Amino acid sequence: MSYRQNRNLVIRHAIIDSLFILWSLIWRTVLGLTFFIIYASLGYVYSWPLYLPIAILLGFSPWGWKVQANQKEKAESRELKKLRNQLGEGIIYTRVESKVEINYRGAIFLKSVFGLFVSGFWGVVLGWKAIWDEIVQLVDNIKTVVKFL
């Protein structure tokens, strides 16, 4: 592949990645604001108890989803790295994981609601880091495009 083709490929990938990051930033923020506005306005109109803290947690839940996805990705990469280290020593093993889930409607509903609150909590605590990581990646992509132009 020539230098020109490689340069065009790097620029194209950096632009596509930047557009995806911008879309992700906008989508998660708008979805969180929508959750917050709907729940806060309904809670205010119908005088629900603790509607504002719950609305704040729900507003941060999309960023909590991102935090949980990042944590899962890091855990998988740690497992893969540990497996590669063991393979380097000549040890090969297999592991089977099974996941048992309750498919009762009430349990599914409670699990979904609890999951929203857990995601909201993660979004409040570590959402800033997810936002910062995406902004840093966006700036890095812009630097790459400027460098290769």
N, C-alpha and C. Protein backbone atom coordinates (compact mmCIF):
# COMPACT_ATOMS: atom_id res chain seq x y z
N MET A 1 0.85 -1.16 0.00
CA MET A 1 0.00 0.00 0.00
C MET A 1 0.90 1.23 0.00
N SER A 2 0.60 2.16 -0.86
CA SER A 2 1.42 3.35 -0.97
C SER A 2 1.17 4.28 0.22
N TYR A 3 2.07 5.25 0.36
CA TYR A 3 1.95 6.21 1.45
C TYR A 3 0.66 7.00 1.32
N ARG A 4 0.32 7.38 0.09
CA ARG A 4 -0.88 8.19 -0.13
C ARG A 4 -2.15 7.41 0.24
N GLN A 5 -2.21 6.14 -0.16
CA GLN A 5 -3.38 5.32 0.19
C GLN A 5 -3.46 5.11 1.69
N ASN A 6 -2.32 4.87 2.32
CA ASN A 6 -2.29 4.67 3.76
C ASN A 6 -2.73 5.94 4.49
N ARG A 7 -2.25 7.09 4.01
CA ARG A 7 -2.61 8.37 4.62
C ARG A 7 -4.11 8.61 4.49
N ASN A 8 -4.67 8.36 3.31
CA ASN A 8 -6.11 8.54 3.12
C ASN A 8 -6.91 7.60 4.02
N LEU A 9 -6.43 6.39 4.20
CA LEU A 9 -7.10 5.43 5.07
C LEU A 9 -7.08 5.90 6.52
N VAL A 10 -5.93 6.40 6.98
CA VAL A 10 -5.82 6.89 8.36
C VAL A 10 -6.75 8.08 8.57
N ILE A 11 -6.77 9.00 7.61
CA ILE A 11 -7.65 10.18 7.71
C ILE A 11 -9.11 9.76 7.73
N ARG A 12 -9.49 8.84 6.86
CA ARG A 12 -10.88 8.38 6.79
C ARG A 12 -11.31 7.74 8.10
N HIS A 13 -10.45 6.88 8.65
CA HIS A 13 -10.80 6.21 9.90
C HIS A 13 -10.88 7.20 11.06
N ALA A 14 -9.99 8.19 11.09
CA ALA A 14 -10.02 9.19 12.16
C ALA A 14 -11.29 10.03 12.07
N ILE A 15 -11.71 10.38 10.86
CA ILE A 15 -12.93 11.18 10.70
C ILE A 15 -14.16 10.37 11.08
N ILE A 16 -14.23 9.12 10.65
CA ILE A 16 -15.37 8.27 11.00
C ILE A 16 -15.44 8.06 12.51
N ASP A 17 -14.29 7.81 13.13
CA ASP A 17 -14.25 7.62 14.58
C ASP A 17 -14.67 8.90 15.31
N SER A 18 -14.24 10.05 14.80
CA SER A 18 -14.63 11.33 15.41
C SER A 18 -16.12 11.57 15.31
N LEU A 19 -16.71 11.26 14.16
CA LEU A 19 -18.16 11.43 14.01
C LEU A 19 -18.92 10.50 14.94
N PHE A 20 -18.42 9.28 15.10
CA PHE A 20 -19.06 8.34 16.03
C PHE A 20 -18.98 8.85 17.47
N ILE A 21 -17.83 9.40 17.86
CA ILE A 21 -17.67 9.93 19.22
C ILE A 21 -18.60 11.11 19.44
N LEU A 22 -18.69 12.01 18.46
CA LEU A 22 -19.62 13.14 18.58
C LEU A 22 -21.06 12.66 18.72
N TRP A 23 -21.44 11.69 17.90
CA TRP A 23 -22.78 11.13 17.97
C TRP A 23 -23.03 10.52 19.36
N SER A 24 -22.05 9.81 19.88
CA SER A 24 -22.19 9.18 21.20
C SER A 24 -22.34 10.23 22.30
N LEU A 25 -21.52 11.27 22.25
CA LEU A 25 -21.63 12.34 23.24
C LEU A 25 -23.00 13.00 23.21
N ILE A 26 -23.48 13.32 22.02
CA ILE A 26 -24.77 13.99 21.88
C ILE A 26 -25.90 13.06 22.28
N TRP A 27 -25.87 11.81 21.80
CA TRP A 27 -26.95 10.86 22.06
C TRP A 27 -27.10 10.58 23.55
N ARG A 28 -25.99 10.29 24.23
CA ARG A 28 -26.08 9.97 25.66
C ARG A 28 -26.55 11.17 26.47
N THR A 29 -26.08 12.36 26.12
CA THR A 29 -26.49 13.55 26.85
C THR A 29 -27.96 13.86 26.63
N VAL A 30 -28.43 13.79 25.40
CA VAL A 30 -29.85 14.08 25.11
C VAL A 30 -30.75 13.02 25.74
N LEU A 31 -30.35 11.76 25.69
CA LEU A 31 -31.16 10.71 26.31
C LEU A 31 -31.24 10.91 27.82
N GLY A 32 -30.12 11.26 28.45
CA GLY A 32 -30.12 11.52 29.89
C GLY A 32 -30.99 12.72 30.25
N LEU A 33 -30.89 13.78 29.46
CA LEU A 33 -31.75 14.95 29.70
C LEU A 33 -33.22 14.61 29.53
N THR A 34 -33.52 13.77 28.55
CA THR A 34 -34.91 13.35 28.34
C THR A 34 -35.43 12.56 29.53
N PHE A 35 -34.64 11.60 30.02
CA PHE A 35 -35.03 10.85 31.22
C PHE A 35 -35.27 11.80 32.38
N PHE A 36 -34.34 12.73 32.58
CA PHE A 36 -34.44 13.66 33.70
C PHE A 36 -35.68 14.53 33.59
N ILE A 37 -35.90 15.12 32.42
CA ILE A 37 -37.03 16.05 32.25
C ILE A 37 -38.36 15.33 32.41
N ILE A 38 -38.49 14.17 31.81
CA ILE A 38 -39.77 13.45 31.91
C ILE A 38 -40.05 13.04 33.35
N TYR A 39 -39.08 12.43 34.01
CA TYR A 39 -39.34 11.96 35.37
C TYR A 39 -39.50 13.12 36.34
N ALA A 40 -38.69 14.17 36.19
CA ALA A 40 -38.79 15.31 37.10
C ALA A 40 -40.11 16.04 36.93
N SER A 41 -40.55 16.21 35.68
CA SER A 41 -41.82 16.93 35.47
C SER A 41 -43.00 16.11 35.96
N LEU A 42 -43.00 14.79 35.70
CA LEU A 42 -44.08 13.95 36.22
C LEU A 42 -44.06 13.89 37.74
N GLY A 43 -42.88 13.81 38.32
CA GLY A 43 -42.77 13.79 39.78
C GLY A 43 -43.23 15.08 40.41
N TYR A 44 -42.97 16.20 39.75
CA TYR A 44 -43.41 17.49 40.28
C TYR A 44 -44.93 17.62 40.17
N VAL A 45 -45.47 17.25 39.03
CA VAL A 45 -46.92 17.39 38.81
C VAL A 45 -47.70 16.50 39.76
N TYR A 46 -47.26 15.26 39.93
CA TYR A 46 -48.00 14.31 40.76
C TYR A 46 -47.48 14.21 42.19
N SER A 47 -46.56 15.09 42.58
CA SER A 47 -46.01 15.16 43.94
C SER A 47 -45.44 13.82 44.42
N TRP A 48 -44.61 13.21 43.59
CA TRP A 48 -43.97 11.96 43.98
C TRP A 48 -42.89 12.23 45.02
N PRO A 49 -42.71 11.33 45.98
CA PRO A 49 -41.62 11.55 46.95
C PRO A 49 -40.26 11.29 46.30
N LEU A 50 -39.29 12.09 46.65
CA LEU A 50 -37.90 11.96 46.17
C LEU A 50 -37.80 11.93 44.65
N TYR A 51 -38.62 12.71 43.98
CA TYR A 51 -38.59 12.66 42.51
C TYR A 51 -37.32 13.27 41.94
N LEU A 52 -36.77 14.30 42.60
CA LEU A 52 -35.59 14.96 42.05
C LEU A 52 -34.33 14.08 42.11
N PRO A 53 -34.00 13.45 43.25
CA PRO A 53 -32.82 12.57 43.24
C PRO A 53 -32.97 11.39 42.27
N ILE A 54 -34.18 10.86 42.18
CA ILE A 54 -34.41 9.75 41.25
C ILE A 54 -34.26 10.23 39.82
N ALA A 55 -34.76 11.43 39.53
CA ALA A 55 -34.63 11.99 38.18
C ALA A 55 -33.16 12.23 37.83
N ILE A 56 -32.38 12.66 38.81
CA ILE A 56 -30.95 12.88 38.56
C ILE A 56 -30.26 11.55 38.25
N LEU A 57 -30.57 10.51 39.05
CA LEU A 57 -29.97 9.20 38.77
C LEU A 57 -30.37 8.69 37.39
N LEU A 58 -31.64 8.85 37.04
CA LEU A 58 -32.08 8.40 35.71
C LEU A 58 -31.43 9.22 34.61
N GLY A 59 -31.18 10.49 34.87
CA GLY A 59 -30.52 11.34 33.87
C GLY A 59 -29.09 10.93 33.59
N PHE A 60 -28.43 10.38 34.59
CA PHE A 60 -27.05 9.93 34.41
C PHE A 60 -26.93 8.49 33.95
N SER A 61 -28.04 7.77 33.85
CA SER A 61 -27.96 6.35 33.51
C SER A 61 -27.35 6.06 32.14
N PRO A 62 -27.56 6.87 31.08
CA PRO A 62 -26.86 6.56 29.81
C PRO A 62 -25.34 6.60 29.94
N TRP A 63 -24.81 7.51 30.76
CA TRP A 63 -23.37 7.54 30.97
C TRP A 63 -22.94 6.38 31.85
N GLY A 64 -23.83 5.93 32.72
CA GLY A 64 -23.54 4.73 33.50
C GLY A 64 -23.43 3.50 32.63
N TRP A 65 -24.25 3.44 31.58
CA TRP A 65 -24.15 2.33 30.63
C TRP A 65 -22.78 2.33 29.97
N LYS A 66 -22.29 3.52 29.63
CA LYS A 66 -20.97 3.63 29.01
C LYS A 66 -19.88 3.19 29.99
N VAL A 67 -20.01 3.62 31.26
CA VAL A 67 -19.03 3.23 32.28
C VAL A 67 -19.02 1.72 32.46
N GLN A 68 -20.21 1.11 32.52
CA GLN A 68 -20.29 -0.34 32.69
C GLN A 68 -19.71 -1.07 31.48
N ALA A 69 -19.94 -0.54 30.28
CA ALA A 69 -19.36 -1.16 29.08
C ALA A 69 -17.83 -1.07 29.12
N ASN A 70 -17.30 0.08 29.55
CA ASN A 70 -15.85 0.23 29.66
C ASN A 70 -15.27 -0.73 30.70
N GLN A 71 -15.96 -0.88 31.84
CA GLN A 71 -15.48 -1.79 32.87
C GLN A 71 -15.50 -3.24 32.38
N LYS A 72 -16.55 -3.61 31.66
CA LYS A 72 -16.63 -4.97 31.12
C LYS A 72 -15.51 -5.21 30.10
N GLU A 73 -15.25 -4.21 29.27
CA GLU A 73 -14.19 -4.33 28.27
C GLU A 73 -12.82 -4.48 28.93
N LYS A 74 -12.57 -3.70 29.99
CA LYS A 74 -11.30 -3.81 30.70
C LYS A 74 -11.15 -5.17 31.38
N ALA A 75 -12.23 -5.68 31.96
CA ALA A 75 -12.18 -7.00 32.61
C ALA A 75 -11.89 -8.09 31.58
N GLU A 76 -12.51 -7.99 30.41
CA GLU A 76 -12.26 -8.98 29.36
C GLU A 76 -10.82 -8.90 28.86
N SER A 77 -10.28 -7.69 28.73
CA SER A 77 -8.90 -7.56 28.27
C SER A 77 -7.92 -8.08 29.33
N ARG A 78 -8.25 -7.89 30.62
CA ARG A 78 -7.40 -8.46 31.68
C ARG A 78 -7.41 -9.98 31.62
N GLU A 79 -8.61 -10.55 31.42
CA GLU A 79 -8.71 -12.01 31.31
C GLU A 79 -7.91 -12.53 30.11
N LEU A 80 -8.02 -11.82 28.98
CA LEU A 80 -7.28 -12.23 27.79
C LEU A 80 -5.78 -12.12 28.00
N LYS A 81 -5.36 -11.05 28.66
CA LYS A 81 -3.93 -10.88 28.94
C LYS A 81 -3.42 -11.98 29.87
N LYS A 82 -4.22 -12.31 30.88
CA LYS A 82 -3.83 -13.38 31.80
C LYS A 82 -3.75 -14.72 31.06
N LEU A 83 -4.71 -14.95 30.15
CA LEU A 83 -4.70 -16.18 29.36
C LEU A 83 -3.49 -16.25 28.44
N ARG A 84 -3.14 -15.12 27.82
CA ARG A 84 -1.96 -15.09 26.95
C ARG A 84 -0.69 -15.35 27.73
N ASN A 85 -0.61 -14.80 28.95
CA ASN A 85 0.57 -15.06 29.79
C ASN A 85 0.67 -16.53 30.14
N GLN A 86 -0.45 -17.17 30.42
CA GLN A 86 -0.44 -18.59 30.75
C GLN A 86 -0.11 -19.43 29.52
N LEU A 87 -0.59 -19.01 28.35
CA LEU A 87 -0.26 -19.74 27.12
C LEU A 87 1.22 -19.61 26.80
N GLY A 88 1.82 -18.48 27.15
CA GLY A 88 3.24 -18.30 26.93
C GLY A 88 4.07 -19.27 27.75
N GLU A 89 3.51 -19.73 28.87
CA GLU A 89 4.21 -20.70 29.70
C GLU A 89 3.91 -22.13 29.27
N GLY A 90 3.12 -22.31 28.24
CA GLY A 90 2.82 -23.63 27.72
C GLY A 90 1.64 -24.31 28.39
N ILE A 91 0.86 -23.57 29.15
CA ILE A 91 -0.29 -24.15 29.84
C ILE A 91 -1.54 -23.79 29.05
N ILE A 92 -2.30 -24.79 28.69
CA ILE A 92 -3.55 -24.57 27.97
C ILE A 92 -4.67 -25.14 28.82
N TYR A 93 -5.71 -24.36 29.02
CA TYR A 93 -6.85 -24.84 29.78
C TYR A 93 -8.13 -24.30 29.16
N THR A 94 -9.22 -24.92 29.55
CA THR A 94 -10.52 -24.44 29.09
C THR A 94 -11.36 -24.13 30.31
N ARG A 95 -12.28 -23.22 30.12
CA ARG A 95 -13.17 -22.85 31.21
C ARG A 95 -14.55 -22.64 30.62
N VAL A 96 -15.53 -23.14 31.32
CA VAL A 96 -16.91 -23.00 30.88
C VAL A 96 -17.63 -22.14 31.91
N GLU A 97 -18.33 -21.13 31.42
CA GLU A 97 -19.12 -20.28 32.31
C GLU A 97 -20.58 -20.46 31.97
N SER A 98 -21.38 -20.54 33.00
CA SER A 98 -22.83 -20.62 32.77
C SER A 98 -23.49 -19.51 33.56
N LYS A 99 -24.55 -19.00 33.00
CA LYS A 99 -25.27 -17.90 33.62
C LYS A 99 -26.73 -18.32 33.76
N VAL A 100 -27.22 -18.28 34.98
CA VAL A 100 -28.60 -18.66 35.24
C VAL A 100 -29.39 -17.39 35.49
N GLU A 101 -30.45 -17.21 34.74
CA GLU A 101 -31.30 -16.03 34.91
C GLU A 101 -32.72 -16.46 35.19
N ILE A 102 -33.38 -15.68 36.02
CA ILE A 102 -34.78 -15.94 36.33
C ILE A 102 -35.63 -15.21 35.30
N ASN A 103 -36.52 -15.91 34.65
CA ASN A 103 -37.33 -15.31 33.60
C ASN A 103 -38.77 -15.04 34.04
N TYR A 104 -38.95 -14.80 35.31
CA TYR A 104 -40.26 -14.42 35.82
C TYR A 104 -40.47 -12.94 35.54
N ARG A 105 -41.66 -12.56 35.08
CA ARG A 105 -41.90 -11.18 34.65
C ARG A 105 -41.61 -10.16 35.74
N GLY A 106 -42.03 -10.45 36.94
CA GLY A 106 -41.78 -9.51 38.04
C GLY A 106 -40.30 -9.34 38.33
N ALA A 107 -39.56 -10.44 38.27
CA ALA A 107 -38.12 -10.37 38.52
C ALA A 107 -37.42 -9.61 37.40
N ILE A 108 -37.87 -9.80 36.18
CA ILE A 108 -37.27 -9.08 35.05
C ILE A 108 -37.51 -7.58 35.20
N PHE A 109 -38.73 -7.20 35.60
CA PHE A 109 -39.04 -5.79 35.80
C PHE A 109 -38.19 -5.19 36.92
N LEU A 110 -38.12 -5.88 38.05
CA LEU A 110 -37.32 -5.38 39.18
C LEU A 110 -35.84 -5.29 38.81
N LYS A 111 -35.35 -6.28 38.06
CA LYS A 111 -33.96 -6.26 37.63
C LYS A 111 -33.70 -5.07 36.70
N SER A 112 -34.64 -4.77 35.83
CA SER A 112 -34.49 -3.63 34.91
C SER A 112 -34.48 -2.31 35.67
N VAL A 113 -35.40 -2.16 36.61
CA VAL A 113 -35.47 -0.92 37.39
C VAL A 113 -34.21 -0.77 38.24
N PHE A 114 -33.81 -1.85 38.90
CA PHE A 114 -32.59 -1.80 39.71
C PHE A 114 -31.37 -1.50 38.83
N GLY A 115 -31.34 -2.08 37.63
CA GLY A 115 -30.24 -1.81 36.70
C GLY A 115 -30.17 -0.36 36.28
N LEU A 116 -31.33 0.28 36.11
CA LEU A 116 -31.34 1.71 35.78
C LEU A 116 -30.72 2.53 36.90
N PHE A 117 -31.06 2.21 38.14
CA PHE A 117 -30.52 2.97 39.27
C PHE A 117 -29.02 2.71 39.45
N VAL A 118 -28.60 1.48 39.24
CA VAL A 118 -27.16 1.17 39.33
C VAL A 118 -26.41 1.91 38.23
N SER A 119 -26.97 1.92 37.02
CA SER A 119 -26.35 2.66 35.92
C SER A 119 -26.30 4.15 36.22
N GLY A 120 -27.37 4.67 36.80
CA GLY A 120 -27.38 6.08 37.18
C GLY A 120 -26.32 6.39 38.21
N PHE A 121 -26.15 5.50 39.18
CA PHE A 121 -25.12 5.70 40.19
C PHE A 121 -23.73 5.70 39.55
N TRP A 122 -23.46 4.73 38.67
CA TRP A 122 -22.17 4.69 37.98
C TRP A 122 -21.98 5.94 37.12
N GLY A 123 -23.07 6.41 36.51
CA GLY A 123 -22.98 7.61 35.70
C GLY A 123 -22.64 8.84 36.52
N VAL A 124 -23.21 8.93 37.73
CA VAL A 124 -22.89 10.06 38.61
C VAL A 124 -21.45 9.98 39.08
N VAL A 125 -21.01 8.78 39.47
CA VAL A 125 -19.68 8.63 40.06
C VAL A 125 -18.58 8.69 39.00
N LEU A 126 -18.72 7.93 37.91
CA LEU A 126 -17.64 7.82 36.92
C LEU A 126 -18.03 8.31 35.53
N GLY A 127 -19.18 8.94 35.39
CA GLY A 127 -19.59 9.44 34.08
C GLY A 127 -18.65 10.50 33.55
N TRP A 128 -18.11 11.33 34.44
CA TRP A 128 -17.17 12.37 34.01
C TRP A 128 -15.96 11.75 33.34
N LYS A 129 -15.51 10.59 33.84
CA LYS A 129 -14.34 9.94 33.25
C LYS A 129 -14.65 9.42 31.85
N ALA A 130 -15.85 8.87 31.67
CA ALA A 130 -16.25 8.39 30.34
C ALA A 130 -16.34 9.56 29.36
N ILE A 131 -16.91 10.67 29.81
CA ILE A 131 -17.00 11.86 28.95
C ILE A 131 -15.59 12.37 28.62
N TRP A 132 -14.74 12.45 29.63
CA TRP A 132 -13.37 12.94 29.42
C TRP A 132 -12.60 12.04 28.46
N ASP A 133 -12.73 10.72 28.61
CA ASP A 133 -12.05 9.79 27.71
C ASP A 133 -12.51 9.97 26.27
N GLU A 134 -13.80 10.19 26.07
CA GLU A 134 -14.30 10.40 24.71
C GLU A 134 -13.80 11.72 24.13
N ILE A 135 -13.74 12.76 24.96
CA ILE A 135 -13.23 14.05 24.47
C ILE A 135 -11.75 13.95 24.13
N VAL A 136 -10.98 13.25 24.96
CA VAL A 136 -9.55 13.06 24.68
C VAL A 136 -9.36 12.29 23.37
N GLN A 137 -10.17 11.25 23.16
CA GLN A 137 -10.08 10.49 21.91
C GLN A 137 -10.46 11.35 20.71
N LEU A 138 -11.48 12.20 20.88
CA LEU A 138 -11.89 13.11 19.80
C LEU A 138 -10.77 14.08 19.45
N VAL A 139 -10.13 14.67 20.46
CA VAL A 139 -9.02 15.60 20.22
C VAL A 139 -7.85 14.86 19.56
N ASP A 140 -7.59 13.64 19.98
CA ASP A 140 -6.52 12.85 19.38
C ASP A 140 -6.82 12.56 17.90
N ASN A 141 -8.07 12.26 17.59
CA ASN A 141 -8.44 12.03 16.19
C ASN A 141 -8.29 13.30 15.36
N ILE A 142 -8.66 14.44 15.92
CA ILE A 142 -8.51 15.71 15.20
C ILE A 142 -7.03 16.00 14.95
N LYS A 143 -6.18 15.73 15.95
CA LYS A 143 -4.73 15.92 15.77
C LYS A 143 -4.20 15.01 14.66
N THR A 144 -4.71 13.78 14.60
CA THR A 144 -4.28 12.84 13.56
C THR A 144 -4.67 13.35 12.18
N VAL A 145 -5.90 13.85 12.05
CA VAL A 145 -6.35 14.37 10.75
C VAL A 145 -5.51 15.57 10.34
N VAL A 146 -5.26 16.49 11.28
CA VAL A 146 -4.47 17.68 10.96
C VAL A 146 -3.03 17.29 10.59
N LYS A 147 -2.49 16.30 11.29
CA LYS A 147 -1.12 15.86 11.02
C LYS A 147 -0.98 15.27 9.62
N PHE A 148 -1.97 14.51 9.19
CA PHE A 148 -1.87 13.85 7.89
C PHE A 148 -2.39 14.70 6.74
N LEU A 149 -2.97 15.84 7.02
CA LEU A 149 -3.39 16.73 5.93
C LEU A 149 -2.22 17.55 5.54
